[in-house]
């Protein structure tokens, strides 16, 4: 198994959840439930997203930094799109494949996510 894929999936799950333990569990689940399919990172990201959604209602999202909390406050699909584009540098077609959406829908999710994060971090800076 390629360490690069493990690291990619772990980073993605950590960004989605903001929680080290959740990231470890979800990363393990992805590789245990999908053995042998580790040569396509978009496939693994899709499986990771599916695993995350299963656990979404059970996880409390708390970020240590204002930007991390702003990211964690986004709705799950929007958070996923922003993470994959702005943090992990995936293309719109790749993100569309992960979320089963069209590229225009992905562009809208990313744009709105960025706007919300800017608003949220500005508000946190004013009230801090």
Protein backbone atom coordinates (compact mmCIF):
# COMPACT_ATOMS: atom_id res chain seq x y z
CA UNK A 1 0.00 0.00 0.00
CA UNK A 2 1.38 3.41 -0.96
CA UNK A 3 2.02 5.72 2.01
CA UNK A 4 1.13 8.72 -0.18
CA UNK A 5 -2.46 7.48 -0.50
CA UNK A 6 -2.73 6.90 3.24
CA UNK A 7 -1.39 10.37 3.94
CA UNK A 8 -3.76 11.94 1.38
CA UNK A 9 -6.80 10.22 2.87
CA UNK A 10 -5.74 10.98 6.44
CA UNK A 11 -5.22 14.68 5.60
CA UNK A 12 -8.62 14.79 3.91
CA UNK A 13 -10.43 13.15 6.83
CA UNK A 14 -8.66 15.39 9.31
CA UNK A 15 -9.69 18.50 7.37
CA UNK A 16 -13.27 17.22 7.13
CA UNK A 17 -13.56 16.41 10.83
CA UNK A 18 -10.98 18.56 12.59
CA UNK A 19 -10.40 15.58 14.86
CA UNK A 20 -7.29 13.36 14.91
CA UNK A 21 -9.09 10.29 16.28
CA UNK A 22 -11.92 10.55 13.75
CA UNK A 23 -9.36 10.97 10.96
CA UNK A 24 -7.52 7.84 12.09
CA UNK A 25 -10.72 5.77 12.28
CA UNK A 26 -12.07 6.95 8.93
CA UNK A 27 -8.72 6.43 7.20
CA UNK A 28 -8.53 2.90 8.57
CA UNK A 29 -12.11 2.19 7.52
CA UNK A 30 -11.45 3.32 3.95
CA UNK A 31 -8.46 1.03 3.52
CA UNK A 32 -10.06 -1.91 5.32
CA UNK A 33 -13.37 -1.76 3.46
CA UNK A 34 -11.82 -1.17 0.03
CA UNK A 35 -8.72 -3.38 -0.12
CA UNK A 36 -6.77 -3.40 -3.35
CA UNK A 37 -8.26 -0.20 -4.79
CA UNK A 38 -5.42 2.07 -3.74
CA UNK A 39 -4.11 3.30 -7.06
CA UNK A 40 -6.77 5.92 -7.78
CA UNK A 41 -6.89 8.79 -5.32
CA UNK A 42 -10.23 10.11 -6.64
CA UNK A 43 -11.79 6.68 -6.01
CA UNK A 44 -10.35 6.69 -2.49
CA UNK A 45 -11.55 10.25 -1.86
CA UNK A 46 -15.05 9.21 -2.95
CA UNK A 47 -14.97 6.22 -0.57
CA UNK A 48 -13.65 8.51 2.18
CA UNK A 49 -16.46 10.99 1.59
CA UNK A 50 -18.99 8.14 1.82
CA UNK A 51 -17.44 7.00 5.14
CA UNK A 52 -17.44 10.55 6.49
CA UNK A 53 -21.14 11.03 5.73
CA UNK A 54 -21.93 7.83 7.69
CA UNK A 55 -20.27 9.33 10.77
CA UNK A 56 -21.25 12.97 10.22
CA UNK A 57 -24.10 13.05 12.76
CA UNK A 58 -21.93 11.43 15.46
CA UNK A 59 -19.02 13.87 15.41
CA UNK A 60 -18.64 17.23 17.13
CA UNK A 61 -16.67 19.63 14.96
CA UNK A 62 -14.41 21.94 16.95
CA UNK A 63 -11.50 23.83 15.42
CA UNK A 64 -8.60 25.31 17.33
CA UNK A 65 -8.08 28.24 14.95
CA UNK A 66 -10.72 30.67 13.60
CA UNK A 67 -10.07 29.59 9.99
CA UNK A 68 -10.35 25.91 10.92
CA UNK A 69 -13.61 26.54 12.80
CA UNK A 70 -14.97 28.54 9.85
CA UNK A 71 -14.19 25.54 7.62
CA UNK A 72 -15.79 23.09 10.04
CA UNK A 73 -18.93 25.25 10.23
CA UNK A 74 -19.58 24.83 6.50
CA UNK A 75 -22.18 22.27 5.42
CA UNK A 76 -20.46 18.93 4.67
CA UNK A 77 -20.54 19.05 0.85
CA UNK A 78 -19.37 22.64 0.79
CA UNK A 79 -16.59 21.83 3.26
CA UNK A 80 -15.52 18.86 1.14
CA UNK A 81 -15.40 20.94 -2.05
CA UNK A 82 -13.40 23.74 -0.42
CA UNK A 83 -10.93 21.31 1.16
CA UNK A 84 -10.35 19.39 -2.06
CA UNK A 85 -9.89 22.56 -4.13
CA UNK A 86 -8.20 25.08 -1.87
CA UNK A 87 -6.20 22.85 0.45
CA UNK A 88 -5.56 19.69 -1.55
CA UNK A 89 -5.50 21.32 -5.04
CA UNK A 90 -7.84 18.88 -6.82
CA UNK A 91 -9.49 19.93 -10.09
CA UNK A 92 -13.18 20.68 -10.50
CA UNK A 93 -13.75 17.46 -12.50
CA UNK A 94 -12.08 15.41 -9.76
CA UNK A 95 -14.15 17.08 -7.04
CA UNK A 96 -17.30 16.56 -9.11
CA UNK A 97 -16.47 12.84 -9.27
CA UNK A 98 -16.03 12.65 -5.49
CA UNK A 99 -19.32 14.43 -4.72
CA UNK A 100 -21.34 13.11 -7.69
CA UNK A 101 -22.14 16.64 -8.84
CA UNK A 102 -21.64 18.69 -11.99
CA UNK A 103 -18.70 21.05 -12.35
CA UNK A 104 -20.96 24.15 -12.19
CA UNK A 105 -22.42 22.82 -8.92
CA UNK A 106 -18.89 22.34 -7.59
CA UNK A 107 -17.93 25.88 -8.62
CA UNK A 108 -20.97 27.22 -6.77
CA UNK A 109 -20.18 25.18 -3.63
CA UNK A 110 -16.58 26.40 -3.59
CA UNK A 111 -17.51 30.02 -4.23
CA UNK A 112 -20.17 30.05 -1.51
CA UNK A 113 -17.88 28.19 0.90
CA UNK A 114 -15.14 30.75 0.43
CA UNK A 115 -17.62 33.61 0.97
CA UNK A 116 -18.96 32.05 4.16
CA UNK A 117 -15.48 31.41 5.53
CA UNK A 118 -14.44 35.02 4.87
CA UNK A 119 -17.60 36.32 6.57
CA UNK A 120 -17.12 33.96 9.51
CA UNK A 121 -13.46 34.81 10.08
CA UNK A 122 -14.16 38.55 9.78
CA UNK A 123 -16.93 38.20 12.37
CA UNK A 124 -14.64 36.22 14.70
CA UNK A 125 -11.94 38.88 14.41
CA UNK A 126 -14.44 41.62 15.28
CA UNK A 127 -15.84 39.79 18.31
CA UNK A 128 -12.50 38.53 19.64
